Amino acid sequence: NDHLPNGTYRIQWRVVSSDGHPVQGVIPFQIGGLESNPKSSNNN
């Protein structure tokens, strides 16, 4: 979406491999400099 504010976000994804096995996960990232750094949080 347009005009998202600075902050911490997470990408939640799910795909199916060629062999038919599903794989899923979460990737955190951050927009702008905040006191809360994603590396120091639990958003691994």
All heavy atoms as atom14 arrays in JSON, in Angstrom:
{
  "sequence": "NDHLPNGTYRIQWRVVSSDGHPVQGVIPFQIGGLESNPKSSNNN",
  "atom14_mask": [
    [1, 1, 1, 1, 1, 1, 1, 1, 0, 0, 0, 0, 0, 0],
    [1, 1, 1, 1, 1, 1, 1, 1, 0, 0, 0, 0, 0, 0],
    [1, 1, 1, 1, 1, 1, 1, 1, 1, 1, 0, 0, 0, 0],
    [1, 1, 1, 1, 1, 1, 1, 1, 0, 0, 0, 0, 0, 0],
    [1, 1, 1, 1, 1, 1, 1, 0, 0, 0, 0, 0, 0, 0],
    [1, 1, 1, 1, 1, 1, 1, 1, 0, 0, 0, 0, 0, 0],
    [1, 1, 1, 1, 0, 0, 0, 0, 0, 0, 0, 0, 0, 0],
    [1, 1, 1, 1, 1, 1, 1, 0, 0, 0, 0, 0, 0, 0],
    [1, 1, 1, 1, 1, 1, 1, 1, 1, 1, 1, 1, 0, 0],
    [1, 1, 1, 1, 1, 1, 1, 1, 1, 1, 1, 0, 0, 0],
    [1, 1, 1, 1, 1, 1, 1, 1, 0, 0, 0, 0, 0, 0],
    [1, 1, 1, 1, 1, 1, 1, 1, 1, 0, 0, 0, 0, 0],
    [1, 1, 1, 1, 1, 1, 1, 1, 1, 1, 1, 1, 1, 1],
    [1, 1, 1, 1, 1, 1, 1, 1, 1, 1, 1, 0, 0, 0],
    [1, 1, 1, 1, 1, 1, 1, 0, 0, 0, 0, 0, 0, 0],
    [1, 1, 1, 1, 1, 1, 1, 0, 0, 0, 0, 0, 0, 0],
    [1, 1, 1, 1, 1, 1, 0, 0, 0, 0, 0, 0, 0, 0],
    [1, 1, 1, 1, 1, 1, 0, 0, 0, 0, 0, 0, 0, 0],
    [1, 1, 1, 1, 1, 1, 1, 1, 0, 0, 0, 0, 0, 0],
    [1, 1, 1, 1, 0, 0, 0, 0, 0, 0, 0, 0, 0, 0],
    [1, 1, 1, 1, 1, 1, 1, 1, 1, 1, 0, 0, 0, 0],
    [1, 1, 1, 1, 1, 1, 1, 0, 0, 0, 0, 0, 0, 0],
    [1, 1, 1, 1, 1, 1, 1, 0, 0, 0, 0, 0, 0, 0],
    [1, 1, 1, 1, 1, 1, 1, 1, 1, 0, 0, 0, 0, 0],
    [1, 1, 1, 1, 0, 0, 0, 0, 0, 0, 0, 0, 0, 0],
    [1, 1, 1, 1, 1, 1, 1, 0, 0, 0, 0, 0, 0, 0],
    [1, 1, 1, 1, 1, 1, 1, 1, 0, 0, 0, 0, 0, 0],
    [1, 1, 1, 1, 1, 1, 1, 0, 0, 0, 0, 0, 0, 0],
    [1, 1, 1, 1, 1, 1, 1, 1, 1, 1, 1, 0, 0, 0],
    [1, 1, 1, 1, 1, 1, 1, 1, 1, 0, 0, 0, 0, 0],
    [1, 1, 1, 1, 1, 1, 1, 1, 0, 0, 0, 0, 0, 0],
    [1, 1, 1, 1, 0, 0, 0, 0, 0, 0, 0, 0, 0, 0],
    [1, 1, 1, 1, 0, 0, 0, 0, 0, 0, 0, 0, 0, 0],
    [1, 1, 1, 1, 1, 1, 1, 1, 0, 0, 0, 0, 0, 0],
    [1, 1, 1, 1, 1, 1, 1, 1, 1, 0, 0, 0, 0, 0],
    [1, 1, 1, 1, 1, 1, 0, 0, 0, 0, 0, 0, 0, 0],
    [1, 1, 1, 1, 1, 1, 1, 1, 0, 0, 0, 0, 0, 0],
    [1, 1, 1, 1, 1, 1, 1, 0, 0, 0, 0, 0, 0, 0],
    [1, 1, 1, 1, 1, 1, 1, 1, 1, 0, 0, 0, 0, 0],
    [1, 1, 1, 1, 1, 1, 0, 0, 0, 0, 0, 0, 0, 0],
    [1, 1, 1, 1, 1, 1, 0, 0, 0, 0, 0, 0, 0, 0],
    [1, 1, 1, 1, 1, 1, 1, 1, 0, 0, 0, 0, 0, 0],
    [1, 1, 1, 1, 1, 1, 1, 1, 0, 0, 0, 0, 0, 0],
    [1, 1, 1, 1, 1, 1, 1, 1, 0, 0, 0, 0, 0, 0]
  ],
  "atom14_positions": [
    [[0.83, -1.2, 0.0], [0.0, 0.0, 0.0], [0.87, 1.25, 0.0], [2.02, 1.23, 0.45], [-0.92, 0.01, 1.22], [-1.94, -1.12, 1.19], [-2.27, -1.64, 0.13], [-2.44, -1.5, 2.36], [0.0, 0.0, 0.0], [0.0, 0.0, 0.0], [0.0, 0.0, 0.0], [0.0, 0.0, 0.0], [0.0, 0.0, 0.0], [0.0, 0.0, 0.0]],
    [[0.32, 2.33, -0.49], [1.06, 3.61, -0.52], [1.08, 4.25, 0.87], [0.21, 3.99, 1.72], [0.4, 4.56, -1.51], [0.44, 4.04, -2.94], [1.42, 3.31, -3.25], [-0.48, 4.33, -3.72], [0.0, 0.0, 0.0], [0.0, 0.0, 0.0], [0.0, 0.0, 0.0], [0.0, 0.0, 0.0], [0.0, 0.0, 0.0], [0.0, 0.0, 0.0]],
    [[2.09, 5.08, 1.08], [2.19, 5.95, 2.26], [2.17, 5.18, 3.58], [1.52, 5.58, 4.56], [1.05, 6.98, 2.27], [0.89, 7.71, 0.97], [1.9, 8.49, 0.43], [-0.16, 7.75, 0.1], [1.47, 9.01, -0.73], [0.23, 8.57, -0.96], [0.0, 0.0, 0.0], [0.0, 0.0, 0.0], [0.0, 0.0, 0.0], [0.0, 0.0, 0.0]],
    [[2.89, 4.08, 3.65], [3.01, 3.36, 4.91], [3.93, 4.11, 5.85], [4.99, 4.61, 5.43], [3.54, 1.94, 4.67], [2.63, 0.98, 3.9], [3.31, -0.38, 3.75], [1.29, 0.82, 4.6], [0.0, 0.0, 0.0], [0.0, 0.0, 0.0], [0.0, 0.0, 0.0], [0.0, 0.0, 0.0], [0.0, 0.0, 0.0], [0.0, 0.0, 0.0]],
    [[3.61, 4.18, 7.14], [4.46, 4.91, 8.08], [5.72, 4.1, 8.42], [5.81, 2.9, 8.16], [3.56, 5.05, 9.32], [2.65, 3.86, 9.24], [2.39, 3.64, 7.78], [0.0, 0.0, 0.0], [0.0, 0.0, 0.0], [0.0, 0.0, 0.0], [0.0, 0.0, 0.0], [0.0, 0.0, 0.0], [0.0, 0.0, 0.0], [0.0, 0.0, 0.0]],
    [[6.69, 4.8, 9.0], [7.89, 4.1, 9.49], [7.48, 3.1, 10.57], [6.57, 3.34, 11.35], [8.89, 5.09, 10.07], [9.5, 5.97, 8.99], [9.36, 5.7, 7.8], [10.18, 7.04, 9.4], [0.0, 0.0, 0.0], [0.0, 0.0, 0.0], [0.0, 0.0, 0.0], [0.0, 0.0, 0.0], [0.0, 0.0, 0.0], [0.0, 0.0, 0.0]],
    [[8.19, 1.98, 10.6], [7.87, 0.97, 11.6], [8.41, -0.39, 11.2], [9.13, -0.53, 10.21], [0.0, 0.0, 0.0], [0.0, 0.0, 0.0], [0.0, 0.0, 0.0], [0.0, 0.0, 0.0], [0.0, 0.0, 0.0], [0.0, 0.0, 0.0], [0.0, 0.0, 0.0], [0.0, 0.0, 0.0], [0.0, 0.0, 0.0], [0.0, 0.0, 0.0]],
    [[8.05, -1.38, 11.98], [8.48, -2.75, 11.74], [7.38, -3.53, 11.03], [6.21, -3.45, 11.42], [8.83, -3.44, 13.08], [9.88, -2.72, 13.72], [9.31, -4.87, 12.84], [0.0, 0.0, 0.0], [0.0, 0.0, 0.0], [0.0, 0.0, 0.0], [0.0, 0.0, 0.0], [0.0, 0.0, 0.0], [0.0, 0.0, 0.0], [0.0, 0.0, 0.0]],
    [[7.76, -4.27, 10.03], [6.82, -5.05, 9.23], [7.32, -6.49, 9.11], [8.49, -6.78, 9.36], [6.65, -4.43, 7.83], [6.05, -3.04, 7.86], [6.87, -1.92, 8.06], [4.69, -2.85, 7.72], [6.33, -0.63, 8.1], [4.13, -1.57, 7.76], [4.96, -0.47, 7.95], [4.42, 0.78, 8.0], [0.0, 0.0, 0.0], [0.0, 0.0, 0.0]],
    [[6.42, -7.35, 8.69], [6.82, -8.74, 8.47], [6.14, -9.29, 7.22], [4.96, -9.02, 6.96], [6.49, -9.61, 9.68], [5.03, -9.86, 9.94], [4.81, -10.71, 11.2], [3.43, -11.16, 11.34], [2.46, -10.43, 11.86], [2.72, -9.2, 12.3], [1.23, -10.92, 11.94], [0.0, 0.0, 0.0], [0.0, 0.0, 0.0], [0.0, 0.0, 0.0]],
    [[6.92, -10.04, 6.44], [6.41, -10.72, 5.25], [6.07, -12.15, 5.65], [6.94, -12.89, 6.1], [7.46, -10.74, 4.12], [7.98, -9.33, 3.83], [6.89, -11.36, 2.85], [9.21, -9.31, 2.93], [0.0, 0.0, 0.0], [0.0, 0.0, 0.0], [0.0, 0.0, 0.0], [0.0, 0.0, 0.0], [0.0, 0.0, 0.0], [0.0, 0.0, 0.0]],
    [[4.84, -12.53, 5.47], [4.4, -13.88, 5.8], [4.13, -14.61, 4.48], [3.28, -14.19, 3.7], [3.13, -13.83, 6.66], [2.72, -15.17, 7.24], [1.67, -15.0, 8.33], [1.84, -14.24, 9.28], [0.55, -15.69, 8.16], [0.0, 0.0, 0.0], [0.0, 0.0, 0.0], [0.0, 0.0, 0.0], [0.0, 0.0, 0.0], [0.0, 0.0, 0.0]],
    [[4.86, -15.7, 4.24], [4.78, -16.35, 2.94], [4.57, -17.86, 3.07], [4.88, -18.46, 4.09], [6.06, -16.09, 2.13], [7.32, -16.53, 2.83], [8.09, -15.79, 3.68], [7.92, -17.83, 2.77], [9.14, -16.54, 4.15], [9.07, -17.79, 3.61], [7.62, -19.01, 2.1], [9.9, -18.9, 3.79], [8.44, -20.12, 2.28], [9.57, -20.04, 3.1]],
    [[4.04, -18.42, 2.01], [3.86, -19.88, 1.92], [3.91, -20.29, 0.46], [3.23, -19.71, -0.39], [2.52, -20.31, 2.52], [2.32, -21.84, 2.55], [0.93, -22.18, 3.04], [0.78, -23.61, 3.34], [0.48, -24.55, 2.44], [0.28, -24.19, 1.16], [0.36, -25.82, 2.79], [0.0, 0.0, 0.0], [0.0, 0.0, 0.0], [0.0, 0.0, 0.0]],
    [[4.74, -21.29, 0.14], [4.82, -21.8, -1.22], [4.88, -23.33, -1.16], [5.11, -23.91, -0.1], [6.06, -21.26, -1.98], [6.01, -19.75, -2.09], [7.35, -21.71, -1.3], [0.0, 0.0, 0.0], [0.0, 0.0, 0.0], [0.0, 0.0, 0.0], [0.0, 0.0, 0.0], [0.0, 0.0, 0.0], [0.0, 0.0, 0.0], [0.0, 0.0, 0.0]],
    [[4.68, -23.95, -2.32], [4.79, -25.41, -2.43], [5.96, -25.71, -3.35], [6.03, -25.22, -4.48], [3.5, -26.03, -2.99], [3.65, -27.54, -3.14], [2.32, -25.71, -2.08], [0.0, 0.0, 0.0], [0.0, 0.0, 0.0], [0.0, 0.0, 0.0], [0.0, 0.0, 0.0], [0.0, 0.0, 0.0], [0.0, 0.0, 0.0], [0.0, 0.0, 0.0]],
    [[6.9, -26.52, -2.85], [8.07, -26.9, -3.64], [7.66, -27.76, -4.82], [6.54, -28.26, -4.89], [9.06, -27.67, -2.77], [9.4, -26.95, -1.61], [0.0, 0.0, 0.0], [0.0, 0.0, 0.0], [0.0, 0.0, 0.0], [0.0, 0.0, 0.0], [0.0, 0.0, 0.0], [0.0, 0.0, 0.0], [0.0, 0.0, 0.0], [0.0, 0.0, 0.0]],
    [[8.61, -27.96, -5.72], [8.33, -28.78, -6.9], [7.98, -30.21, -6.53], [7.27, -30.9, -7.25], [9.54, -28.77, -7.84], [9.76, -27.48, -8.34], [0.0, 0.0, 0.0], [0.0, 0.0, 0.0], [0.0, 0.0, 0.0], [0.0, 0.0, 0.0], [0.0, 0.0, 0.0], [0.0, 0.0, 0.0], [0.0, 0.0, 0.0], [0.0, 0.0, 0.0]],
    [[8.5, -30.68, -5.38], [8.21, -32.05, -4.97], [6.93, -32.16, -4.18], [6.59, -33.22, -3.67], [9.37, -32.64, -4.16], [9.59, -31.9, -2.86], [8.97, -30.85, -2.66], [10.39, -32.38, -2.03], [0.0, 0.0, 0.0], [0.0, 0.0, 0.0], [0.0, 0.0, 0.0], [0.0, 0.0, 0.0], [0.0, 0.0, 0.0], [0.0, 0.0, 0.0]],
    [[6.2, -31.04, -4.06], [4.91, -31.07, -3.39], [4.95, -30.81, -1.9], [3.94, -30.95, -1.23], [0.0, 0.0, 0.0], [0.0, 0.0, 0.0], [0.0, 0.0, 0.0], [0.0, 0.0, 0.0], [0.0, 0.0, 0.0], [0.0, 0.0, 0.0], [0.0, 0.0, 0.0], [0.0, 0.0, 0.0], [0.0, 0.0, 0.0], [0.0, 0.0, 0.0]],
    [[6.11, -30.4, -1.36], [6.2, -30.12, 0.07], [6.04, -28.62, 0.32], [6.77, -27.81, -0.27], [7.55, -30.59, 0.63], [7.7, -32.08, 0.62], [8.43, -32.75, -0.33], [7.18, -33.03, 1.44], [8.38, -34.04, -0.09], [7.63, -34.25, 0.97], [0.0, 0.0, 0.0], [0.0, 0.0, 0.0], [0.0, 0.0, 0.0], [0.0, 0.0, 0.0]],
    [[5.1, -28.24, 1.17], [4.93, -26.82, 1.46], [6.03, -26.28, 2.37], [6.55, -27.0, 3.22], [3.57, -26.78, 2.19], [3.45, -28.13, 2.82], [4.14, -29.09, 1.89], [0.0, 0.0, 0.0], [0.0, 0.0, 0.0], [0.0, 0.0, 0.0], [0.0, 0.0, 0.0], [0.0, 0.0, 0.0], [0.0, 0.0, 0.0], [0.0, 0.0, 0.0]],
    [[6.39, -25.04, 2.13], [7.38, -24.35, 2.96], [6.78, -22.99, 3.29], [6.18, -22.34, 2.42], [8.72, -24.17, 2.22], [9.77, -23.6, 3.16], [9.19, -25.48, 1.62], [0.0, 0.0, 0.0], [0.0, 0.0, 0.0], [0.0, 0.0, 0.0], [0.0, 0.0, 0.0], [0.0, 0.0, 0.0], [0.0, 0.0, 0.0], [0.0, 0.0, 0.0]],
    [[6.94, -22.54, 4.52], [6.38, -21.25, 4.91], [7.29, -20.57, 5.91], [8.15, -21.21, 6.53], [4.99, -21.44, 5.51], [4.95, -22.35, 6.73], [3.53, -22.66, 7.18], [2.58, -22.03, 6.75], [3.39, -23.64, 8.05], [0.0, 0.0, 0.0], [0.0, 0.0, 0.0], [0.0, 0.0, 0.0], [0.0, 0.0, 0.0], [0.0, 0.0, 0.0]],
    [[7.11, -19.27, 6.06], [7.95, -18.56, 7.01], [7.59, -17.09, 7.11], [6.63, -16.6, 6.51], [0.0, 0.0, 0.0], [0.0, 0.0, 0.0], [0.0, 0.0, 0.0], [0.0, 0.0, 0.0], [0.0, 0.0, 0.0], [0.0, 0.0, 0.0], [0.0, 0.0, 0.0], [0.0, 0.0, 0.0], [0.0, 0.0, 0.0], [0.0, 0.0, 0.0]],
    [[8.38, -16.38, 7.9], [8.18, -14.95, 8.15], [9.52, -14.24, 8.0], [10.54, -14.71, 8.51], [7.61, -14.71, 9.56], [7.5, -13.21, 9.85], [6.26, -15.39, 9.72], [0.0, 0.0, 0.0], [0.0, 0.0, 0.0], [0.0, 0.0, 0.0], [0.0, 0.0, 0.0], [0.0, 0.0, 0.0], [0.0, 0.0, 0.0], [0.0, 0.0, 0.0]],
    [[9.53, -13.11, 7.3], [10.74, -12.29, 7.13], [10.44, -10.89, 7.66], [9.62, -10.17, 7.1], [11.16, -12.21, 5.65], [11.41, -13.61, 5.09], [12.39, -11.33, 5.49], [11.71, -13.62, 3.61], [0.0, 0.0, 0.0], [0.0, 0.0, 0.0], [0.0, 0.0, 0.0], [0.0, 0.0, 0.0], [0.0, 0.0, 0.0], [0.0, 0.0, 0.0]],
    [[11.09, -10.47, 8.75], [10.87, -9.12, 9.28], [11.75, -8.09, 8.58], [12.86, -8.41, 8.13], [11.26, -9.26, 10.75], [12.3, -10.34, 10.75], [11.94, -11.27, 9.64], [0.0, 0.0, 0.0], [0.0, 0.0, 0.0], [0.0, 0.0, 0.0], [0.0, 0.0, 0.0], [0.0, 0.0, 0.0], [0.0, 0.0, 0.0], [0.0, 0.0, 0.0]],
    [[11.25, -6.87, 8.47], [12.07, -5.75, 7.98], [11.53, -4.46, 8.59], [10.5, -4.45, 9.27], [12.06, -5.69, 6.45], [10.73, -5.3, 5.84], [10.47, -3.98, 5.48], [9.74, -6.25, 5.61], [9.27, -3.62, 4.9], [8.52, -5.9, 5.04], [8.29, -4.58, 4.7], [0.0, 0.0, 0.0], [0.0, 0.0, 0.0], [0.0, 0.0, 0.0]],
    [[12.24, -3.39, 8.34], [11.89, -2.12, 8.98], [11.99, -0.99, 7.98], [12.85, -0.98, 7.1], [12.84, -1.85, 10.15], [12.5, -0.61, 10.97], [13.33, -0.54, 12.23], [13.14, -1.31, 13.15], [14.28, 0.38, 12.25], [0.0, 0.0, 0.0], [0.0, 0.0, 0.0], [0.0, 0.0, 0.0], [0.0, 0.0, 0.0], [0.0, 0.0, 0.0]],
    [[11.07, -0.03, 8.11], [11.11, 1.18, 7.3], [11.42, 2.35, 8.23], [10.74, 2.55, 9.23], [9.76, 1.43, 6.58], [9.43, 0.26, 5.67], [9.82, 2.73, 5.79], [8.07, 0.39, 5.01], [0.0, 0.0, 0.0], [0.0, 0.0, 0.0], [0.0, 0.0, 0.0], [0.0, 0.0, 0.0], [0.0, 0.0, 0.0], [0.0, 0.0, 0.0]],
    [[12.46, 3.11, 7.91], [12.85, 4.25, 8.73], [13.62, 3.84, 9.96], [13.61, 2.67, 10.37], [0.0, 0.0, 0.0], [0.0, 0.0, 0.0], [0.0, 0.0, 0.0], [0.0, 0.0, 0.0], [0.0, 0.0, 0.0], [0.0, 0.0, 0.0], [0.0, 0.0, 0.0], [0.0, 0.0, 0.0], [0.0, 0.0, 0.0], [0.0, 0.0, 0.0]],
    [[14.31, 4.79, 10.57], [15.09, 4.52, 11.78], [14.26, 4.68, 13.02], [13.75, 5.76, 13.31], [0.0, 0.0, 0.0], [0.0, 0.0, 0.0], [0.0, 0.0, 0.0], [0.0, 0.0, 0.0], [0.0, 0.0, 0.0], [0.0, 0.0, 0.0], [0.0, 0.0, 0.0], [0.0, 0.0, 0.0], [0.0, 0.0, 0.0], [0.0, 0.0, 0.0]],
    [[14.07, 3.6, 13.74], [13.32, 3.64, 14.99], [14.19, 3.12, 16.11], [15.22, 2.49, 15.91], [12.05, 2.79, 14.9], [10.98, 3.25, 13.88], [9.85, 2.23, 13.86], [10.45, 4.62, 14.24], [0.0, 0.0, 0.0], [0.0, 0.0, 0.0], [0.0, 0.0, 0.0], [0.0, 0.0, 0.0], [0.0, 0.0, 0.0], [0.0, 0.0, 0.0]],
    [[13.77, 3.36, 17.33], [14.52, 2.85, 18.48], [14.48, 1.33, 18.5], [15.42, 0.67, 18.92], [13.92, 3.4, 19.78], [14.11, 4.9, 19.93], [13.56, 5.4, 21.25], [13.06, 4.56, 22.02], [13.62, 6.6, 21.51], [0.0, 0.0, 0.0], [0.0, 0.0, 0.0], [0.0, 0.0, 0.0], [0.0, 0.0, 0.0], [0.0, 0.0, 0.0]],
    [[13.37, 0.77, 18.02], [13.25, -0.69, 18.0], [13.84, -1.21, 16.71], [13.33, -0.94, 15.63], [11.77, -1.09, 18.1], [11.63, -2.48, 17.95], [0.0, 0.0, 0.0], [0.0, 0.0, 0.0], [0.0, 0.0, 0.0], [0.0, 0.0, 0.0], [0.0, 0.0, 0.0], [0.0, 0.0, 0.0], [0.0, 0.0, 0.0], [0.0, 0.0, 0.0]],
    [[14.96, -1.89, 16.83], [15.62, -2.47, 15.66], [15.17, -3.91, 15.49], [15.15, -4.67, 16.45], [17.14, -2.43, 15.87], [17.9, -2.79, 14.61], [17.62, -3.8, 13.99], [18.86, -1.95, 14.25], [0.0, 0.0, 0.0], [0.0, 0.0, 0.0], [0.0, 0.0, 0.0], [0.0, 0.0, 0.0], [0.0, 0.0, 0.0], [0.0, 0.0, 0.0]],
    [[14.79, -4.31, 14.29], [14.33, -5.69, 14.11], [15.36, -6.72, 14.5], [15.04, -7.83, 14.87], [14.0, -5.76, 12.61], [14.71, -4.62, 11.98], [14.79, -3.57, 13.03], [0.0, 0.0, 0.0], [0.0, 0.0, 0.0], [0.0, 0.0, 0.0], [0.0, 0.0, 0.0], [0.0, 0.0, 0.0], [0.0, 0.0, 0.0], [0.0, 0.0, 0.0]],
    [[16.65, -6.4, 14.41], [17.68, -7.36, 14.79], [17.69, -7.61, 16.29], [18.08, -8.67, 16.75], [19.06, -6.86, 14.35], [19.27, -6.91, 12.86], [20.71, -6.57, 12.51], [20.95, -6.66, 11.01], [22.34, -6.41, 10.64], [0.0, 0.0, 0.0], [0.0, 0.0, 0.0], [0.0, 0.0, 0.0], [0.0, 0.0, 0.0], [0.0, 0.0, 0.0]],
    [[17.29, -6.61, 17.05], [17.33, -6.78, 18.5], [15.99, -7.23, 19.06], [15.85, -7.47, 20.24], [17.72, -5.44, 19.15], [16.77, -4.44, 18.83], [0.0, 0.0, 0.0], [0.0, 0.0, 0.0], [0.0, 0.0, 0.0], [0.0, 0.0, 0.0], [0.0, 0.0, 0.0], [0.0, 0.0, 0.0], [0.0, 0.0, 0.0], [0.0, 0.0, 0.0]],
    [[14.99, -7.34, 18.19], [13.68, -7.8, 18.65], [13.55, -9.3, 18.43], [14.47, -9.97, 18.04], [12.56, -7.06, 17.88], [12.56, -7.46, 16.53], [0.0, 0.0, 0.0], [0.0, 0.0, 0.0], [0.0, 0.0, 0.0], [0.0, 0.0, 0.0], [0.0, 0.0, 0.0], [0.0, 0.0, 0.0], [0.0, 0.0, 0.0], [0.0, 0.0, 0.0]],
    [[12.36, -9.78, 18.68], [12.12, -11.21, 18.5], [11.6, -11.54, 17.1], [11.15, -12.63, 16.85], [11.11, -11.72, 19.54], [11.69, -11.69, 20.93], [12.88, -11.94, 21.12], [10.84, -11.4, 21.91], [0.0, 0.0, 0.0], [0.0, 0.0, 0.0], [0.0, 0.0, 0.0], [0.0, 0.0, 0.0], [0.0, 0.0, 0.0], [0.0, 0.0, 0.0]],
    [[11.64, -10.56, 16.19], [11.13, -10.77, 14.85], [12.16, -11.45, 13.96], [12.5, -10.97, 12.9], [10.71, -9.44, 14.22], [9.52, -8.82, 14.91], [8.65, -9.54, 15.38], [9.49, -7.51, 14.99], [0.0, 0.0, 0.0], [0.0, 0.0, 0.0], [0.0, 0.0, 0.0], [0.0, 0.0, 0.0], [0.0, 0.0, 0.0], [0.0, 0.0, 0.0]],
    [[12.72, -12.53, 14.41], [13.69, -13.25, 13.6], [12.99, -14.0, 12.48], [11.83, -14.4, 12.62], [14.49, -14.24, 14.45], [15.32, -13.51, 15.49], [15.89, -12.46, 15.2], [15.38, -14.07, 16.68], [0.0, 0.0, 0.0], [0.0, 0.0, 0.0], [0.0, 0.0, 0.0], [0.0, 0.0, 0.0], [0.0, 0.0, 0.0], [0.0, 0.0, 0.0]]
  ]
}
